[in-house]
Amino acid sequence: MTEDRHTRLNRLRWQSRRALLELDLLLERFWLREGELVNVEDETGLQQLLALDDYDLWALVSGTKASDSKQLEQMVARIRQA
């Protein structure tokens, strides 16, 4: 049985809750502003980002580290802009 889109997005929102306060605030703002615009391709990028350790994710979002993946860089840019 496959998950429906609503369930997948809710799971990603839940995974967005982070121990690092800065990330938690940025991701919460991202979901408030961009949540309705997340498409299937974005879901994949978010899954990959949210699988990272908080400090690795923060390094990407803060710009101290860059990703080799264009898709991840685009998602990080959207999170920064939110």
C-alpha atoms as a PDB file:
ATOM      1  CA  MET A   1       0.000   0.000   0.000  1.00  0.00           C
ATOM      2  CA  THR A   2       1.389   3.410  -0.911  1.00  0.00           C
ATOM      3  CA  GLU A   3       1.086   6.476   1.227  1.00  0.00           C
ATOM      4  CA  ASP A   4      -1.048   9.282  -0.063  1.00  0.00           C
ATOM      5  CA  ARG A   5       0.470  12.706  -0.621  1.00  0.00           C
ATOM      6  CA  HIS A   6      -1.030  14.236   2.517  1.00  0.00           C
ATOM      7  CA  THR A   7       0.485  11.516   4.699  1.00  0.00           C
ATOM      8  CA  ARG A   8       3.914  11.890   3.063  1.00  0.00           C
ATOM      9  CA  LEU A   9       3.899  15.650   3.580  1.00  0.00           C
ATOM     10  CA  ASN A  10       2.833  15.283   7.199  1.00  0.00           C
ATOM     11  CA  ARG A  11       5.680  12.828   7.732  1.00  0.00           C
ATOM     12  CA  LEU A  12       8.155  15.315   6.221  1.00  0.00           C
ATOM     13  CA  ARG A  13       6.794  18.114   8.420  1.00  0.00           C
ATOM     14  CA  TRP A  14       7.247  15.924  11.471  1.00  0.00           C
ATOM     15  CA  GLN A  15      10.813  15.051  10.411  1.00  0.00           C
ATOM     16  CA  SER A  16      11.469  18.777  10.055  1.00  0.00           C
ATOM     17  CA  ARG A  17      11.300  19.165  13.823  1.00  0.00           C
ATOM     18  CA  ARG A  18      14.958  19.431  14.775  1.00  0.00           C
ATOM     19  CA  ALA A  19      16.931  19.563  18.006  1.00  0.00           C
ATOM     20  CA  LEU A  20      18.908  22.546  16.698  1.00  0.00           C
ATOM     21  CA  LEU A  21      16.640  25.547  17.341  1.00  0.00           C
ATOM     22  CA  GLU A  22      17.892  27.540  14.348  1.00  0.00           C
ATOM     23  CA  LEU A  23      16.984  24.700  11.991  1.00  0.00           C
ATOM     24  CA  ASP A  24      13.667  24.133  13.678  1.00  0.00           C
ATOM     25  CA  LEU A  25      12.721  27.789  13.191  1.00  0.00           C
ATOM     26  CA  LEU A  26      13.874  27.919   9.558  1.00  0.00           C
ATOM     27  CA  LEU A  27      12.079  24.713   8.627  1.00  0.00           C
ATOM     28  CA  GLU A  28       8.913  25.761  10.429  1.00  0.00           C
ATOM     29  CA  ARG A  29       8.906  29.013   8.464  1.00  0.00           C
ATOM     30  CA  PHE A  30       9.569  27.071   5.239  1.00  0.00           C
ATOM     31  CA  TRP A  31       6.503  24.885   5.829  1.00  0.00           C
ATOM     32  CA  LEU A  32       4.333  27.890   6.640  1.00  0.00           C
ATOM     33  CA  ARG A  33       5.330  29.778   3.493  1.00  0.00           C
ATOM     34  CA  GLU A  34       6.126  26.997   1.022  1.00  0.00           C
ATOM     35  CA  GLY A  35       4.253  23.960   2.314  1.00  0.00           C
ATOM     36  CA  GLU A  36       1.438  24.182  -0.222  1.00  0.00           C
ATOM     37  CA  LEU A  37       3.957  24.478  -3.076  1.00  0.00           C
ATOM     38  CA  VAL A  38       5.940  21.315  -2.295  1.00  0.00           C
ATOM     39  CA  ASN A  39       5.714  18.902  -5.227  1.00  0.00           C
ATOM     40  CA  VAL A  40       6.790  15.273  -5.586  1.00  0.00           C
ATOM     41  CA  GLU A  41      10.292  16.267  -6.727  1.00  0.00           C
ATOM     42  CA  ASP A  42      10.626  18.567  -3.719  1.00  0.00           C
ATOM     43  CA  GLU A  43       9.586  15.705  -1.444  1.00  0.00           C
ATOM     44  CA  THR A  44      12.606  13.715  -2.596  1.00  0.00           C
ATOM     45  CA  GLY A  45      14.960  16.612  -1.927  1.00  0.00           C
ATOM     46  CA  LEU A  46      13.449  17.238   1.485  1.00  0.00           C
ATOM     47  CA  GLN A  47      13.747  13.552   2.395  1.00  0.00           C
ATOM     48  CA  GLN A  48      17.444  13.643   1.552  1.00  0.00           C
ATOM     49  CA  LEU A  49      18.028  16.846   3.500  1.00  0.00           C
ATOM     50  CA  LEU A  50      16.078  15.702   6.540  1.00  0.00           C
ATOM     51  CA  ALA A  51      18.033  12.442   6.630  1.00  0.00           C
ATOM     52  CA  LEU A  52      21.154  14.491   7.418  1.00  0.00           C
ATOM     53  CA  ASP A  53      22.470  15.109  10.900  1.00  0.00           C
ATOM     54  CA  ASP A  54      21.402  18.507  12.291  1.00  0.00           C
ATOM     55  CA  TYR A  55      24.898  19.963  12.063  1.00  0.00           C
ATOM     56  CA  ASP A  56      25.409  18.776   8.478  1.00  0.00           C
ATOM     57  CA  LEU A  57      22.030  20.209   7.514  1.00  0.00           C
ATOM     58  CA  TRP A  58      22.837  23.475   9.286  1.00  0.00           C
ATOM     59  CA  ALA A  59      26.156  23.672   7.392  1.00  0.00           C
ATOM     60  CA  LEU A  60      24.227  23.473   4.104  1.00  0.00           C
ATOM     61  CA  VAL A  61      21.536  25.937   5.119  1.00  0.00           C
ATOM     62  CA  SER A  62      23.992  28.435   6.609  1.00  0.00           C
ATOM     63  CA  GLY A  63      26.214  28.245   3.530  1.00  0.00           C
ATOM     64  CA  THR A  64      29.365  26.960   5.200  1.00  0.00           C
ATOM     65  CA  LYS A  65      29.111  23.759   3.166  1.00  0.00           C
ATOM     66  CA  ALA A  66      27.818  23.098  -0.358  1.00  0.00           C
ATOM     67  CA  SER A  67      26.063  20.037  -1.733  1.00  0.00           C
ATOM     68  CA  ASP A  68      27.119  18.237  -4.894  1.00  0.00           C
ATOM     69  CA  SER A  69      23.458  17.768  -5.790  1.00  0.00           C
ATOM     70  CA  LYS A  70      21.759  20.519  -7.770  1.00  0.00           C
ATOM     71  CA  GLN A  71      18.373  19.384  -6.434  1.00  0.00           C
ATOM     72  CA  LEU A  72      19.540  19.702  -2.820  1.00  0.00           C
ATOM     73  CA  GLU A  73      21.098  23.115  -3.480  1.00  0.00           C
ATOM     74  CA  GLN A  74      17.790  24.322  -4.954  1.00  0.00           C
ATOM     75  CA  MET A  75      15.879  23.037  -1.926  1.00  0.00           C
ATOM     76  CA  VAL A  76      18.364  24.667   0.447  1.00  0.00           C
ATOM     77  CA  ALA A  77      17.922  27.959  -1.426  1.00  0.00           C
ATOM     78  CA  ARG A  78      14.139  27.715  -0.983  1.00  0.00           C
ATOM     79  CA  ILE A  79      14.553  27.058   2.744  1.00  0.00           C
ATOM     80  CA  ARG A  80      16.854  30.090   3.051  1.00  0.00           C
ATOM     81  CA  GLN A  81      14.382  32.323   1.201  1.00  0.00           C
ATOM     82  CA  ALA A  82      11.365  31.277   3.270  1.00  0.00           C
END
